[in-house]
């Protein structure tokens, strides 16, 4: 079991919700131990996470059209090559070549 700070416990609650089964498995035991040790610290974050979980549970389920996720990913901007790689491609379109015999 790893040590867990109060700050990390609150991050788990805010990120993954109040249900420990949704927390990363590697941090679950430490998070539960910290919650038991310091309920005063996490009480507000736990209450907020429980309220948000309850609100999300009441939202209607929406069926997404086939291919929607794939089309969103396809339309997302692609990461650019680093500046030096782009500059090198413009300066040396045939690639870098060392002079023969040196």
N, C-alpha and C. Protein backbone atom coordinates (compact mmCIF):
# COMPACT_ATOMS: atom_id res chain seq x y z
N UNK A 1 0.85 -1.18 0.00
CA UNK A 1 0.00 0.00 0.00
C UNK A 1 0.89 1.24 0.00
N UNK A 2 0.52 2.22 -0.77
CA UNK A 2 1.30 3.45 -0.86
C UNK A 2 0.74 4.49 0.08
N UNK A 3 1.58 5.44 0.41
CA UNK A 3 1.12 6.57 1.22
C UNK A 3 0.26 7.46 0.35
N UNK A 4 -0.75 8.03 0.96
CA UNK A 4 -1.65 8.90 0.21
C UNK A 4 -1.79 10.21 0.98
N UNK A 5 -1.65 11.30 0.27
CA UNK A 5 -1.83 12.61 0.88
C UNK A 5 -3.31 12.98 0.88
N UNK A 6 -3.65 13.93 1.74
CA UNK A 6 -5.03 14.43 1.75
C UNK A 6 -5.39 15.00 0.39
N UNK A 7 -4.43 15.70 -0.21
CA UNK A 7 -4.68 16.33 -1.51
C UNK A 7 -5.00 15.28 -2.58
N UNK A 8 -4.24 14.17 -2.58
CA UNK A 8 -4.48 13.13 -3.58
C UNK A 8 -5.83 12.46 -3.35
N UNK A 9 -6.21 12.26 -2.09
CA UNK A 9 -7.52 11.68 -1.80
C UNK A 9 -8.63 12.56 -2.35
N UNK A 10 -8.50 13.84 -2.14
CA UNK A 10 -9.51 14.78 -2.65
C UNK A 10 -9.53 14.76 -4.18
N UNK A 11 -8.34 14.65 -4.81
CA UNK A 11 -8.28 14.54 -6.27
C UNK A 11 -9.00 13.28 -6.76
N UNK A 12 -8.81 12.16 -6.05
CA UNK A 12 -9.51 10.94 -6.43
C UNK A 12 -11.02 11.13 -6.37
N UNK A 13 -11.49 11.73 -5.29
CA UNK A 13 -12.92 11.96 -5.14
C UNK A 13 -13.47 12.88 -6.23
N UNK A 14 -12.73 13.94 -6.53
CA UNK A 14 -13.19 14.90 -7.53
C UNK A 14 -13.11 14.34 -8.94
N UNK A 15 -12.16 13.47 -9.18
CA UNK A 15 -11.95 12.95 -10.53
C UNK A 15 -12.80 11.71 -10.82
N UNK A 16 -12.83 10.78 -9.86
CA UNK A 16 -13.46 9.48 -10.11
C UNK A 16 -14.78 9.28 -9.37
N UNK A 17 -15.11 10.18 -8.46
CA UNK A 17 -16.37 10.06 -7.75
C UNK A 17 -16.22 9.37 -6.40
N UNK A 18 -17.35 9.18 -5.75
CA UNK A 18 -17.37 8.66 -4.38
C UNK A 18 -17.23 7.15 -4.32
N UNK A 19 -17.48 6.45 -5.40
CA UNK A 19 -17.41 4.99 -5.41
C UNK A 19 -15.96 4.55 -5.59
N UNK A 20 -15.36 3.95 -4.56
CA UNK A 20 -13.96 3.55 -4.66
C UNK A 20 -13.67 2.55 -5.77
N UNK A 21 -14.67 1.80 -6.22
CA UNK A 21 -14.43 0.85 -7.31
C UNK A 21 -14.10 1.57 -8.62
N UNK A 22 -14.41 2.86 -8.71
CA UNK A 22 -14.09 3.65 -9.90
C UNK A 22 -12.69 4.26 -9.82
N UNK A 23 -12.08 4.23 -8.65
CA UNK A 23 -10.73 4.79 -8.48
C UNK A 23 -9.71 3.85 -9.11
N UNK A 24 -8.55 4.39 -9.49
CA UNK A 24 -7.50 3.51 -10.01
C UNK A 24 -7.16 2.41 -9.00
N UNK A 25 -7.08 1.19 -9.48
CA UNK A 25 -6.85 0.05 -8.59
C UNK A 25 -5.58 0.21 -7.76
N UNK A 26 -4.55 0.80 -8.35
CA UNK A 26 -3.28 0.97 -7.65
C UNK A 26 -3.38 1.91 -6.46
N UNK A 27 -4.39 2.77 -6.44
CA UNK A 27 -4.53 3.75 -5.35
C UNK A 27 -5.72 3.49 -4.45
N UNK A 28 -6.51 2.50 -4.78
CA UNK A 28 -7.77 2.27 -4.07
C UNK A 28 -7.56 1.98 -2.58
N UNK A 29 -6.70 1.03 -2.25
CA UNK A 29 -6.49 0.65 -0.85
C UNK A 29 -5.95 1.82 -0.04
N UNK A 30 -4.99 2.53 -0.61
CA UNK A 30 -4.42 3.69 0.09
C UNK A 30 -5.46 4.79 0.27
N UNK A 31 -6.30 4.99 -0.75
CA UNK A 31 -7.35 6.00 -0.65
C UNK A 31 -8.37 5.67 0.42
N UNK A 32 -8.77 4.41 0.48
CA UNK A 32 -9.73 3.99 1.52
C UNK A 32 -9.12 4.11 2.90
N UNK A 33 -7.85 3.74 3.03
CA UNK A 33 -7.18 3.87 4.33
C UNK A 33 -7.10 5.33 4.76
N UNK A 34 -6.75 6.20 3.80
CA UNK A 34 -6.64 7.64 4.12
C UNK A 34 -8.02 8.20 4.48
N UNK A 35 -9.04 7.76 3.79
CA UNK A 35 -10.40 8.22 4.08
C UNK A 35 -10.81 7.81 5.48
N UNK A 36 -10.43 6.59 5.91
CA UNK A 36 -10.75 6.13 7.25
C UNK A 36 -9.94 6.88 8.31
N UNK A 37 -8.69 7.22 7.98
CA UNK A 37 -7.82 7.95 8.92
C UNK A 37 -8.25 9.40 9.09
N UNK A 38 -8.66 10.03 8.00
CA UNK A 38 -8.92 11.47 8.01
C UNK A 38 -10.28 11.83 7.42
N UNK A 39 -11.36 11.30 7.99
CA UNK A 39 -12.68 11.62 7.41
C UNK A 39 -13.00 13.11 7.48
N UNK A 40 -12.41 13.81 8.45
CA UNK A 40 -12.66 15.25 8.58
C UNK A 40 -12.13 16.02 7.38
N UNK A 41 -11.00 15.60 6.83
CA UNK A 41 -10.40 16.29 5.70
C UNK A 41 -11.20 16.06 4.42
N UNK A 42 -11.63 14.83 4.22
CA UNK A 42 -12.28 14.47 2.96
C UNK A 42 -13.79 14.59 3.00
N UNK A 43 -14.37 14.92 4.13
CA UNK A 43 -15.83 14.92 4.27
C UNK A 43 -16.53 15.80 3.23
N UNK A 44 -16.05 17.01 3.04
CA UNK A 44 -16.67 17.92 2.08
C UNK A 44 -16.52 17.40 0.65
N UNK A 45 -15.32 16.94 0.30
CA UNK A 45 -15.10 16.41 -1.05
C UNK A 45 -15.91 15.15 -1.27
N UNK A 46 -16.04 14.31 -0.25
CA UNK A 46 -16.84 13.09 -0.37
C UNK A 46 -18.32 13.44 -0.57
N UNK A 47 -18.81 14.41 0.18
CA UNK A 47 -20.22 14.82 0.03
C UNK A 47 -20.46 15.40 -1.36
N UNK A 48 -19.53 16.20 -1.86
CA UNK A 48 -19.66 16.76 -3.21
C UNK A 48 -19.66 15.65 -4.26
N UNK A 49 -18.75 14.68 -4.11
CA UNK A 49 -18.66 13.58 -5.06
C UNK A 49 -19.93 12.74 -5.05
N UNK A 50 -20.47 12.48 -3.86
CA UNK A 50 -21.72 11.71 -3.76
C UNK A 50 -22.88 12.45 -4.42
N UNK A 51 -22.94 13.77 -4.21
CA UNK A 51 -24.02 14.56 -4.82
C UNK A 51 -23.90 14.57 -6.34
N UNK A 52 -22.68 14.71 -6.85
CA UNK A 52 -22.48 14.70 -8.30
C UNK A 52 -22.79 13.33 -8.88
N UNK A 53 -22.35 12.27 -8.20
CA UNK A 53 -22.67 10.91 -8.65
C UNK A 53 -24.18 10.70 -8.74
N UNK A 54 -24.91 11.16 -7.73
CA UNK A 54 -26.36 11.00 -7.71
C UNK A 54 -27.01 11.78 -8.85
N UNK A 55 -26.52 13.00 -9.10
CA UNK A 55 -27.07 13.80 -10.20
C UNK A 55 -26.81 13.14 -11.54
N UNK A 56 -25.60 12.60 -11.72
CA UNK A 56 -25.27 11.94 -12.99
C UNK A 56 -26.08 10.66 -13.18
N UNK A 57 -26.38 9.98 -12.08
CA UNK A 57 -27.19 8.76 -12.17
C UNK A 57 -28.61 9.03 -12.66
N UNK A 58 -29.09 10.26 -12.47
CA UNK A 58 -30.45 10.60 -12.87
C UNK A 58 -30.55 11.11 -14.31
N UNK A 59 -29.41 11.27 -14.99
CA UNK A 59 -29.45 11.70 -16.38
C UNK A 59 -29.94 10.56 -17.26
N UNK A 60 -30.70 10.89 -18.30
CA UNK A 60 -31.17 9.82 -19.19
C UNK A 60 -30.02 9.25 -20.00
N UNK A 61 -30.13 7.96 -20.33
CA UNK A 61 -29.14 7.31 -21.19
C UNK A 61 -29.39 7.75 -22.63
N UNK A 62 -28.34 8.12 -23.31
CA UNK A 62 -28.46 8.56 -24.70
C UNK A 62 -27.71 7.57 -25.58
N UNK A 63 -28.40 7.03 -26.57
CA UNK A 63 -27.75 6.16 -27.55
C UNK A 63 -27.08 7.03 -28.60
N UNK A 64 -25.80 6.84 -28.78
CA UNK A 64 -25.04 7.61 -29.76
C UNK A 64 -25.16 6.96 -31.14
N UNK A 65 -25.26 7.77 -32.17
CA UNK A 65 -25.30 7.21 -33.52
C UNK A 65 -24.01 6.44 -33.82
N UNK A 66 -24.14 5.39 -34.62
CA UNK A 66 -22.96 4.62 -35.02
C UNK A 66 -21.94 5.53 -35.69
N UNK A 67 -20.70 5.36 -35.33
CA UNK A 67 -19.62 6.10 -35.97
C UNK A 67 -19.39 7.50 -35.43
N UNK A 68 -20.20 7.96 -34.47
CA UNK A 68 -20.04 9.33 -33.97
C UNK A 68 -18.67 9.52 -33.32
N UNK A 69 -18.28 8.60 -32.47
CA UNK A 69 -17.00 8.74 -31.78
C UNK A 69 -15.86 8.73 -32.79
N UNK A 70 -15.91 7.82 -33.75
CA UNK A 70 -14.86 7.73 -34.76
C UNK A 70 -14.78 9.02 -35.58
N UNK A 71 -15.93 9.62 -35.90
CA UNK A 71 -15.91 10.85 -36.69
C UNK A 71 -15.37 12.03 -35.88
N UNK A 72 -15.64 12.06 -34.59
CA UNK A 72 -15.10 13.12 -33.74
C UNK A 72 -13.59 12.99 -33.66
N UNK A 73 -13.10 11.78 -33.47
CA UNK A 73 -11.66 11.57 -33.39
C UNK A 73 -11.00 11.91 -34.72
N UNK A 74 -11.63 11.54 -35.83
CA UNK A 74 -11.07 11.84 -37.15
C UNK A 74 -11.03 13.34 -37.41
N UNK A 75 -11.99 14.09 -36.87
CA UNK A 75 -12.05 15.53 -37.10
C UNK A 75 -11.15 16.32 -36.15
N UNK A 76 -10.64 15.67 -35.13
CA UNK A 76 -9.79 16.37 -34.15
C UNK A 76 -8.48 16.78 -34.81
N UNK A 77 -7.94 17.92 -34.40
CA UNK A 77 -6.66 18.35 -34.98
C UNK A 77 -5.57 17.33 -34.64
N UNK A 78 -4.72 17.10 -35.60
CA UNK A 78 -3.61 16.18 -35.41
C UNK A 78 -2.45 16.90 -34.76
N UNK A 79 -1.70 16.21 -33.91
CA UNK A 79 -0.55 16.86 -33.28
C UNK A 79 0.48 17.21 -34.35
N UNK A 80 1.12 18.34 -34.17
CA UNK A 80 2.11 18.78 -35.14
C UNK A 80 3.48 18.22 -34.77
N UNK A 81 4.28 18.06 -35.80
CA UNK A 81 5.66 17.65 -35.56
C UNK A 81 6.38 18.79 -34.85
N UNK A 82 7.41 18.48 -34.09
CA UNK A 82 8.18 19.55 -33.43
C UNK A 82 8.73 20.54 -34.45
N UNK A 83 8.94 21.76 -34.00
CA UNK A 83 9.40 22.84 -34.86
C UNK A 83 10.66 22.47 -35.64
N UNK A 84 11.64 21.89 -34.98
CA UNK A 84 12.90 21.57 -35.66
C UNK A 84 12.68 20.54 -36.77
N UNK A 85 11.78 19.58 -36.56
CA UNK A 85 11.49 18.59 -37.60
C UNK A 85 10.83 19.25 -38.79
N UNK A 86 9.90 20.18 -38.54
CA UNK A 86 9.24 20.88 -39.65
C UNK A 86 10.25 21.76 -40.40
N UNK A 87 11.11 22.47 -39.66
CA UNK A 87 12.12 23.33 -40.27
C UNK A 87 13.11 22.50 -41.09
N UNK A 88 13.54 21.39 -40.54
CA UNK A 88 14.48 20.52 -41.24
C UNK A 88 13.87 20.00 -42.54
N UNK A 89 12.59 19.65 -42.51
CA UNK A 89 11.92 19.15 -43.71
C UNK A 89 11.86 20.23 -44.79
N UNK A 90 11.71 21.49 -44.39
CA UNK A 90 11.68 22.57 -45.39
C UNK A 90 13.07 22.89 -45.92
N UNK A 91 14.07 22.88 -45.04
CA UNK A 91 15.43 23.21 -45.46
C UNK A 91 16.08 22.07 -46.25
N UNK A 92 15.74 20.85 -45.90
CA UNK A 92 16.35 19.68 -46.54
C UNK A 92 15.25 18.74 -47.02
N UNK A 93 14.53 19.11 -48.10
CA UNK A 93 13.40 18.29 -48.54
C UNK A 93 13.80 16.87 -48.93
N UNK A 94 15.02 16.67 -49.37
CA UNK A 94 15.48 15.33 -49.74
C UNK A 94 16.10 14.62 -48.54
N UNK A 95 16.09 15.24 -47.40
CA UNK A 95 16.69 14.67 -46.20
C UNK A 95 18.10 15.20 -46.03
N UNK A 96 18.60 15.07 -44.86
CA UNK A 96 19.98 15.55 -44.60
C UNK A 96 20.95 14.57 -45.23
N UNK A 97 21.95 15.14 -45.83
CA UNK A 97 22.99 14.31 -46.43
C UNK A 97 24.34 14.91 -46.08
N UNK A 98 25.23 14.06 -45.70
CA UNK A 98 26.58 14.52 -45.40
C UNK A 98 27.38 14.54 -46.71
N UNK A 99 28.22 15.52 -46.84
CA UNK A 99 29.06 15.55 -48.06
C UNK A 99 29.90 14.28 -48.16
N UNK A 100 30.07 13.80 -49.37
CA UNK A 100 30.85 12.57 -49.58
C UNK A 100 32.30 12.79 -49.19
N UNK A 101 32.89 11.79 -48.58
CA UNK A 101 34.31 11.83 -48.27
C UNK A 101 34.66 12.58 -46.99
N UNK A 102 33.70 13.03 -46.24
CA UNK A 102 34.04 13.72 -44.98
C UNK A 102 33.62 12.92 -43.80
